[in-house]
């Protein structure tokens, strides 16, 4: 595990937003992304019969739908041990291969940081 105090304020913010969405909505994952202007988009897992998206895919879609052209960072709060390839691909599509993807546990403790690439 990585100490979350090593995160900058803006990265701590997206981890906190992701954690809040997960808890508030009672979903398996919460995610948040920060776009090139500093705007943030937070979302939870979507599990409808006709539509299934991870929290991070949903947050990226929200950013795109709002006119974002790039991402600075992404965060996922989950029980998972790693960010999925599909999640990293969604971040990579908008932010590029060097965009950091932060993975935190349900308690908000940072587990890992990888690039979208």
Protein backbone atom coordinates (compact mmCIF):
# COMPACT_ATOMS: atom_id res chain seq x y z
CA UNK A 1 0.00 0.00 0.00
CA UNK A 2 1.05 3.53 -0.68
CA UNK A 3 0.57 6.28 1.87
CA UNK A 4 -2.13 8.63 0.56
CA UNK A 5 -0.35 11.58 2.16
CA UNK A 6 2.13 11.48 -0.73
CA UNK A 7 -0.64 12.57 -3.06
CA UNK A 8 -0.99 16.20 -4.03
CA UNK A 9 -4.14 18.06 -3.06
CA UNK A 10 -5.79 17.65 -6.46
CA UNK A 11 -5.17 13.90 -6.54
CA UNK A 12 -6.45 13.54 -2.97
CA UNK A 13 -9.57 15.39 -4.11
CA UNK A 14 -10.40 12.90 -6.86
CA UNK A 15 -9.78 9.95 -4.55
CA UNK A 16 -12.12 11.54 -1.99
CA UNK A 17 -14.77 12.17 -4.67
CA UNK A 18 -14.52 8.58 -5.89
CA UNK A 19 -14.80 7.24 -2.36
CA UNK A 20 -17.84 9.44 -1.67
CA UNK A 21 -19.69 8.25 -4.78
CA UNK A 22 -19.04 4.62 -3.90
CA UNK A 23 -20.34 5.05 -0.36
CA UNK A 24 -23.29 7.31 -1.21
CA UNK A 25 -24.59 5.13 -4.04
CA UNK A 26 -23.74 1.75 -2.50
CA UNK A 27 -21.96 0.61 -5.66
CA UNK A 28 -18.90 -1.66 -5.99
CA UNK A 29 -16.69 1.11 -7.37
CA UNK A 30 -16.48 4.87 -7.35
CA UNK A 31 -14.30 6.87 -9.71
CA UNK A 32 -13.37 10.43 -10.53
CA UNK A 33 -11.38 12.06 -13.30
CA UNK A 34 -9.86 15.53 -13.65
CA UNK A 35 -9.85 17.12 -17.09
CA UNK A 36 -7.37 19.49 -18.69
CA UNK A 37 -9.07 22.54 -17.15
CA UNK A 38 -9.18 21.09 -13.64
CA UNK A 39 -12.88 20.18 -13.72
CA UNK A 40 -13.74 16.91 -12.00
CA UNK A 41 -16.31 14.26 -12.85
CA UNK A 42 -17.29 11.58 -10.34
CA UNK A 43 -19.36 8.47 -11.01
CA UNK A 44 -20.25 5.04 -9.73
CA UNK A 45 -20.68 1.68 -11.36
CA UNK A 46 -23.61 1.47 -13.81
CA UNK A 47 -25.29 -1.93 -13.76
CA UNK A 48 -28.48 -1.81 -15.78
CA UNK A 49 -29.86 -4.75 -17.68
CA UNK A 50 -29.05 -3.05 -20.98
CA UNK A 51 -25.95 -1.06 -19.95
CA UNK A 52 -22.97 -2.03 -17.84
CA UNK A 53 -20.11 0.39 -17.23
CA UNK A 54 -17.41 0.49 -14.63
CA UNK A 55 -17.24 3.59 -12.48
CA UNK A 56 -14.16 4.82 -14.33
CA UNK A 57 -15.72 4.26 -17.76
CA UNK A 58 -18.75 6.26 -16.57
CA UNK A 59 -16.59 9.12 -15.24
CA UNK A 60 -14.67 9.28 -18.53
CA UNK A 61 -17.96 9.29 -20.47
CA UNK A 62 -19.23 12.15 -18.30
CA UNK A 63 -16.06 14.13 -19.03
CA UNK A 64 -16.40 13.55 -22.78
CA UNK A 65 -20.10 14.44 -22.72
CA UNK A 66 -19.21 17.69 -20.94
CA UNK A 67 -16.67 18.69 -23.59
CA UNK A 68 -13.39 17.60 -22.00
CA UNK A 69 -10.62 17.08 -24.54
CA UNK A 70 -8.03 15.52 -22.23
CA UNK A 71 -7.52 14.12 -18.74
CA UNK A 72 -4.89 15.01 -16.16
CA UNK A 73 -5.62 12.10 -13.78
CA UNK A 74 -8.10 9.41 -12.83
CA UNK A 75 -8.92 7.64 -9.57
CA UNK A 76 -10.84 4.47 -8.72
CA UNK A 77 -11.95 3.34 -5.27
CA UNK A 78 -12.58 -0.38 -5.27
CA UNK A 79 -11.94 -3.70 -3.58
CA UNK A 80 -10.04 -4.72 -6.74
CA UNK A 81 -6.30 -5.23 -6.59
CA UNK A 82 -5.63 -3.49 -9.91
CA UNK A 83 -7.25 -1.12 -12.39
CA UNK A 84 -8.73 -3.19 -15.23
CA UNK A 85 -7.40 -2.97 -18.77
CA UNK A 86 -10.82 -1.69 -19.93
CA UNK A 87 -10.66 1.13 -17.37
CA UNK A 88 -7.11 2.04 -18.34
CA UNK A 89 -8.13 1.99 -22.02
CA UNK A 90 -10.97 4.46 -21.40
CA UNK A 91 -8.56 6.82 -19.60
CA UNK A 92 -5.95 6.34 -22.35
CA UNK A 93 -8.49 7.17 -25.08
CA UNK A 94 -9.10 10.62 -23.61
CA UNK A 95 -5.97 11.36 -21.61
CA UNK A 96 -3.21 9.50 -23.40
CA UNK A 97 -0.92 6.70 -22.25
CA UNK A 98 0.89 8.71 -19.56
CA UNK A 99 -2.25 9.70 -17.64
CA UNK A 100 -1.97 8.46 -14.04
CA UNK A 101 -4.64 6.09 -12.76
CA UNK A 102 -4.82 5.98 -8.96
CA UNK A 103 -6.32 2.90 -7.28
CA UNK A 104 -7.47 3.24 -3.69
CA UNK A 105 -9.17 0.85 -1.34
CA UNK A 106 -12.60 1.52 0.18
CA UNK A 107 -10.92 3.34 3.09
CA UNK A 108 -9.30 5.77 0.65
CA UNK A 109 -5.79 4.41 1.11
CA UNK A 110 -3.85 4.54 -2.14
CA UNK A 111 -2.89 1.03 -3.28
CA UNK A 112 -1.16 1.81 -6.54
CA UNK A 113 -0.62 4.33 -9.28
CA UNK A 114 -0.18 3.16 -12.87
CA UNK A 115 -0.31 4.93 -16.20
CA UNK A 116 -3.17 4.44 -18.60
CA UNK A 117 -0.71 3.21 -21.25
